[in-house]
C-alpha atoms as a PDB file:
ATOM      1  CA  MET A   1      48.070  33.360   0.336  1.00  0.00           C
ATOM      2  CA  THR A   2      46.115  33.888  -2.879  1.00  0.00           C
ATOM      3  CA  LEU A   3      42.325  33.141  -2.362  1.00  0.00           C
ATOM      4  CA  GLU A   4      40.059  31.732  -5.100  1.00  0.00           C
ATOM      5  CA  ASP A   5      38.859  35.191  -6.333  1.00  0.00           C
ATOM      6  CA  GLY A   6      42.441  36.434  -6.604  1.00  0.00           C
ATOM      7  CA  SER A   7      42.455  38.551  -3.453  1.00  0.00           C
ATOM      8  CA  SER A   8      45.136  37.825  -0.872  1.00  0.00           C
ATOM      9  CA  ALA A   9      45.226  37.372   2.837  1.00  0.00           C
ATOM     10  CA  ARG A  10      48.089  36.434   5.195  1.00  0.00           C
ATOM     11  CA  ILE A  11      47.729  33.663   7.835  1.00  0.00           C
ATOM     12  CA  ARG A  12      49.548  34.120  11.079  1.00  0.00           C
ATOM     13  CA  PRO A  13      49.396  33.183  14.767  1.00  0.00           C
ATOM     14  CA  ILE A  14      47.358  35.471  16.844  1.00  0.00           C
ATOM     15  CA  ARG A  15      49.022  37.844  19.135  1.00  0.00           C
ATOM     16  CA  PRO A  16      47.862  39.616  22.400  1.00  0.00           C
ATOM     17  CA  ASP A  17      47.942  42.992  20.572  1.00  0.00           C
ATOM     18  CA  ASP A  18      45.250  41.687  18.221  1.00  0.00           C
ATOM     19  CA  GLU A  19      42.508  42.244  20.829  1.00  0.00           C
ATOM     20  CA  PRO A  20      41.291  45.567  19.338  1.00  0.00           C
ATOM     21  CA  LYS A  21      41.286  43.921  15.903  1.00  0.00           C
ATOM     22  CA  LEU A  22      39.089  41.055  17.202  1.00  0.00           C
ATOM     23  CA  VAL A  23      36.633  43.742  18.624  1.00  0.00           C
ATOM     24  CA  LEU A  24      36.446  45.266  15.162  1.00  0.00           C
ATOM     25  CA  LEU A  25      36.051  41.904  13.516  1.00  0.00           C
ATOM     26  CA  TYR A  26      33.066  41.015  15.788  1.00  0.00           C
ATOM     27  CA  ASP A  27      31.418  44.387  15.028  1.00  0.00           C
ATOM     28  CA  ARG A  28      31.731  43.675  11.224  1.00  0.00           C
ATOM     29  CA  LEU A  29      30.177  40.216  11.524  1.00  0.00           C
ATOM     30  CA  SER A  30      26.412  40.067  10.489  1.00  0.00           C
ATOM     31  CA  ARG A  31      24.129  38.844  13.213  1.00  0.00           C
ATOM     32  CA  HIS A  32      23.814  35.640  11.228  1.00  0.00           C
ATOM     33  CA  THR A  33      27.474  34.886  11.161  1.00  0.00           C
ATOM     34  CA  ALA A  34      27.971  35.840  14.743  1.00  0.00           C
ATOM     35  CA  TYR A  35      25.119  33.512  15.751  1.00  0.00           C
ATOM     36  CA  GLN A  36      26.660  30.678  13.718  1.00  0.00           C
ATOM     37  CA  ARG A  37      29.982  31.140  15.455  1.00  0.00           C
ATOM     38  CA  PHE A  38      28.761  31.757  19.127  1.00  0.00           C
ATOM     39  CA  PHE A  39      25.185  30.185  19.039  1.00  0.00           C
ATOM     40  CA  THR A  40      24.037  33.638  20.353  1.00  0.00           C
ATOM     41  CA  VAL A  41      23.930  37.189  19.187  1.00  0.00           C
ATOM     42  CA  MET A  42      25.359  39.867  21.459  1.00  0.00           C
ATOM     43  CA  GLN A  43      25.771  43.473  20.686  1.00  0.00           C
ATOM     44  CA  ARG A  44      29.400  43.085  21.785  1.00  0.00           C
ATOM     45  CA  LEU A  45      31.359  40.141  23.141  1.00  0.00           C
ATOM     46  CA  PRO A  46      32.426  40.703  26.744  1.00  0.00           C
ATOM     47  CA  ILE A  47      35.994  42.156  26.965  1.00  0.00           C
ATOM     48  CA  ASP A  48      37.263  39.151  28.767  1.00  0.00           C
ATOM     49  CA  ARG A  49      36.407  36.979  25.876  1.00  0.00           C
ATOM     50  CA  TYR A  50      38.613  39.044  23.607  1.00  0.00           C
ATOM     51  CA  HIS A  51      41.394  38.975  26.058  1.00  0.00           C
ATOM     52  CA  PHE A  52      40.954  35.057  26.285  1.00  0.00           C
ATOM     53  CA  PHE A  53      40.755  34.689  22.508  1.00  0.00           C
ATOM     54  CA  ALA A  54      43.956  36.834  21.782  1.00  0.00           C
ATOM     55  CA  ASN A  55      46.074  35.348  24.509  1.00  0.00           C
ATOM     56  CA  VAL A  56      47.147  31.746  23.669  1.00  0.00           C
ATOM     57  CA  GLU A  57      50.148  29.828  24.588  1.00  0.00           C
ATOM     58  CA  TYR A  58      50.492  28.377  21.069  1.00  0.00           C
ATOM     59  CA  VAL A  59      50.475  24.621  22.123  1.00  0.00           C
ATOM     60  CA  ARG A  60      47.512  23.684  24.224  1.00  0.00           C
ATOM     61  CA  ARG A  61      45.541  26.637  22.769  1.00  0.00           C
ATOM     62  CA  LEU A  62      46.310  28.235  19.392  1.00  0.00           C
ATOM     63  CA  ALA A  63      44.534  30.624  17.090  1.00  0.00           C
ATOM     64  CA  LEU A  64      45.537  31.653  13.497  1.00  0.00           C
ATOM     65  CA  VAL A  65      44.145  34.858  12.084  1.00  0.00           C
ATOM     66  CA  ALA A  66      43.546  35.660   8.544  1.00  0.00           C
ATOM     67  CA  GLU A  67      44.624  39.330   7.902  1.00  0.00           C
ATOM     68  CA  CYS A  68      44.330  41.588   4.905  1.00  0.00           C
ATOM     69  CA  GLU A  69      45.681  45.078   4.066  1.00  0.00           C
ATOM     70  CA  THR A  70      43.301  48.042   3.757  1.00  0.00           C
ATOM     71  CA  GLY A  71      43.718  51.545   3.212  1.00  0.00           C
ATOM     72  CA  SER A  72      43.857  52.156   7.102  1.00  0.00           C
ATOM     73  CA  GLY A  73      46.221  49.171   7.804  1.00  0.00           C
ATOM     74  CA  SER A  74      45.723  45.565   8.381  1.00  0.00           C
ATOM     75  CA  GLN A  75      42.376  43.936   9.618  1.00  0.00           C
ATOM     76  CA  ILE A  76      41.632  40.471  10.732  1.00  0.00           C
ATOM     77  CA  VAL A  77      38.978  38.931   8.537  1.00  0.00           C
ATOM     78  CA  GLY A  78      39.026  35.375   9.913  1.00  0.00           C
ATOM     79  CA  VAL A  79      40.040  33.315  12.764  1.00  0.00           C
ATOM     80  CA  GLY A  80      40.548  29.580  13.296  1.00  0.00           C
ATOM     81  CA  ARG A  81      41.509  28.049  16.578  1.00  0.00           C
ATOM     82  CA  TYR A  82      41.944  24.864  18.567  1.00  0.00           C
ATOM     83  CA  GLU A  83      42.019  24.042  22.221  1.00  0.00           C
ATOM     84  CA  ARG A  84      43.151  20.735  23.617  1.00  0.00           C
ATOM     85  CA  GLY A  85      40.764  18.831  25.844  1.00  0.00           C
ATOM     86  CA  ASP A  86      41.604  16.182  28.465  1.00  0.00           C
ATOM     87  CA  GLN A  87      43.273  13.862  26.073  1.00  0.00           C
ATOM     88  CA  PRO A  88      46.563  15.236  24.678  1.00  0.00           C
ATOM     89  CA  ASP A  89      45.902  14.075  21.190  1.00  0.00           C
ATOM     90  CA  ARG A  90      42.341  15.645  20.830  1.00  0.00           C
ATOM     91  CA  ALA A  91      41.157  19.311  20.557  1.00  0.00           C
ATOM     92  CA  GLU A  92      38.077  21.260  19.846  1.00  0.00           C
ATOM     93  CA  VAL A  93      38.196  23.667  16.991  1.00  0.00           C
ATOM     94  CA  ALA A  94      36.191  26.880  15.938  1.00  0.00           C
ATOM     95  CA  PHE A  95      36.271  29.181  12.966  1.00  0.00           C
ATOM     96  CA  VAL A  96      34.784  32.418  11.897  1.00  0.00           C
ATOM     97  CA  VAL A  97      35.231  34.280   8.543  1.00  0.00           C
ATOM     98  CA  GLU A  98      33.856  37.756   8.023  1.00  0.00           C
ATOM     99  CA  ASP A  99      30.827  37.821   5.762  1.00  0.00           C
ATOM    100  CA  GLY A 100      32.478  39.694   2.886  1.00  0.00           C
ATOM    101  CA  TRP A 101      35.380  37.225   2.866  1.00  0.00           C
ATOM    102  CA  GLN A 102      33.177  33.960   2.797  1.00  0.00           C
ATOM    103  CA  GLY A 103      33.084  32.005  -0.425  1.00  0.00           C
ATOM    104  CA  ARG A 104      36.614  32.891  -1.369  1.00  0.00           C
ATOM    105  CA  GLY A 105      38.348  29.783   0.034  1.00  0.00           C
ATOM    106  CA  LEU A 106      39.405  31.274   3.326  1.00  0.00           C
ATOM    107  CA  GLY A 107      37.565  28.849   5.412  1.00  0.00           C
ATOM    108  CA  LYS A 108      39.422  26.026   3.654  1.00  0.00           C
ATOM    109  CA  ILE A 109      42.905  27.667   4.196  1.00  0.00           C
ATOM    110  CA  LEU A 110      42.039  28.291   7.948  1.00  0.00           C
ATOM    111  CA  LEU A 111      40.870  24.694   8.623  1.00  0.00           C
ATOM    112  CA  ASP A 112      43.902  23.244   6.838  1.00  0.00           C
ATOM    113  CA  SER A 113      46.318  25.582   8.681  1.00  0.00           C
ATOM    114  CA  VAL A 114      44.780  24.933  11.998  1.00  0.00           C
ATOM    115  CA  LEU A 115      44.671  21.249  11.583  1.00  0.00           C
ATOM    116  CA  SER A 116      48.186  21.132  10.380  1.00  0.00           C
ATOM    117  CA  ALA A 117      49.551  23.287  13.187  1.00  0.00           C
ATOM    118  CA  ALA A 118      47.676  20.984  15.626  1.00  0.00           C
ATOM    119  CA  ALA A 119      49.200  17.861  13.996  1.00  0.00           C
ATOM    120  CA  ALA A 120      52.629  19.411  14.361  1.00  0.00           C
ATOM    121  CA  ARG A 121      51.809  19.464  18.139  1.00  0.00           C
ATOM    122  CA  GLY A 122      50.735  15.848  18.288  1.00  0.00           C
ATOM    123  CA  ILE A 123      46.979  16.543  18.045  1.00  0.00           C
ATOM    124  CA  GLU A 124      45.289  14.115  15.533  1.00  0.00           C
ATOM    125  CA  ARG A 125      41.716  14.036  16.619  1.00  0.00           C
ATOM    126  CA  PHE A 126      39.228  16.899  16.607  1.00  0.00           C
ATOM    127  CA  GLN A 127      35.770  17.932  17.773  1.00  0.00           C
ATOM    128  CA  VAL A 128      33.478  20.760  16.623  1.00  0.00           C
ATOM    129  CA  TYR A 129      30.107  21.984  17.372  1.00  0.00           C
ATOM    130  CA  VAL A 130      28.218  23.355  14.334  1.00  0.00           C
ATOM    131  CA  LEU A 131      24.651  24.782  14.323  1.00  0.00           C
ATOM    132  CA  THR A 132      22.840  22.049  12.075  1.00  0.00           C
ATOM    133  CA  GLU A 133      21.625  24.853   9.862  1.00  0.00           C
ATOM    134  CA  ASN A 134      25.209  25.959   9.087  1.00  0.00           C
ATOM    135  CA  HIS A 135      25.221  23.775   5.864  1.00  0.00           C
ATOM    136  CA  ARG A 136      28.484  25.614   4.518  1.00  0.00           C
ATOM    137  CA  MET A 137      30.571  24.741   7.462  1.00  0.00           C
ATOM    138  CA  LEU A 138      29.233  21.123   7.575  1.00  0.00           C
ATOM    139  CA  ARG A 139      29.883  20.756   3.803  1.00  0.00           C
ATOM    140  CA  LEU A 140      33.399  22.119   4.403  1.00  0.00           C
ATOM    141  CA  LEU A 141      34.112  19.820   7.265  1.00  0.00           C
ATOM    142  CA  SER A 142      32.761  16.821   5.343  1.00  0.00           C
ATOM    143  CA  THR A 143      34.912  17.573   2.237  1.00  0.00           C
ATOM    144  CA  ARG A 144      38.177  18.430   3.942  1.00  0.00           C
ATOM    145  CA  THR A 145      38.278  15.907   7.026  1.00  0.00           C
ATOM    146  CA  ARG A 146      37.502  12.372   7.886  1.00  0.00           C
ATOM    147  CA  ILE A 147      34.468  12.342   9.913  1.00  0.00           C
ATOM    148  CA  ASP A 148      34.439   9.534  12.572  1.00  0.00           C
ATOM    149  CA  GLU A 149      31.198  10.422  14.456  1.00  0.00           C
ATOM    150  CA  ARG A 150      28.299  12.823  13.829  1.00  0.00           C
ATOM    151  CA  HIS A 151      25.608  13.534  16.495  1.00  0.00           C
ATOM    152  CA  THR A 152      22.770  16.013  16.188  1.00  0.00           C
ATOM    153  CA  GLU A 153      20.739  17.168  19.083  1.00  0.00           C
ATOM    154  CA  ASP A 154      18.700  20.363  19.646  1.00  0.00           C
ATOM    155  CA  GLY A 155      19.792  21.980  16.432  1.00  0.00           C
ATOM    156  CA  VAL A 156      23.586  21.488  17.061  1.00  0.00           C
ATOM    157  CA  THR A 157      25.739  18.925  15.312  1.00  0.00           C
ATOM    158  CA  ARG A 158      28.814  17.621  17.025  1.00  0.00           C
ATOM    159  CA  LEU A 159      31.443  16.183  14.727  1.00  0.00           C
ATOM    160  CA  ARG A 160      34.366  14.190  15.716  1.00  0.00           C
ATOM    161  CA  PHE A 161      37.021  14.001  12.957  1.00  0.00           C
ATOM    162  CA  ARG A 162      40.527  13.463  11.721  1.00  0.00           C
ATOM    163  CA  ARG A 163      42.648  15.457   9.389  1.00  0.00           C
ATOM    164  CA  LEU A 164      42.960  13.995   5.844  1.00  0.00           C
ATOM    165  CA  ASP A 165      46.321  13.387   4.437  1.00  0.00           C
ATOM    166  CA  ALA A 166      47.835  16.509   2.899  1.00  0.00           C
ATOM    167  CA  GLY A 167      46.200  17.334  -0.349  1.00  0.00           C
ATOM    168  CA  ALA A 168      43.236  14.846  -0.197  1.00  0.00           C
ATOM    169  CA  THR A 169      39.637  15.620  -0.162  1.00  0.00           C
ATOM    170  CA  THR A 170      36.684  13.322   0.263  1.00  0.00           C
ATOM    171  CA  ARG A 171      34.848  14.757  -2.723  1.00  0.00           C
END
């Protein structure tokens, strides 16, 4: 994919052998970005979290990575994922984009790709928890999805939303 600034990234499903790349991605995240994704800051995520994140079965749990080529090989610069809940047509989503790759349109691409993959598997309704101060993510969701419900409590906003028709935006 060509991003808004002309750089390129490849979107693909995560694989179990991506675990070490996820460790490196987390290490490159600013404390602010790590906090916005995980609602806490840790020096390093526990190893079992990387294993859990990299090992999905591609239907109930799916993760897509954004990967770019560097002089030392490919590196993961963003991740979007969904996990089905108790209802088969509903899933929770989460996203993170490395700081240096933010503002290039990669979040839009990951969001659209994850929601399209979920729709192909019968998932039409989504839920996300976003820190209320994360205005960029809330703006992205409000322009690229149809929000059905918004609830804010203790600095966290829960959105329930649906995918927009292909190519449509609300603004």
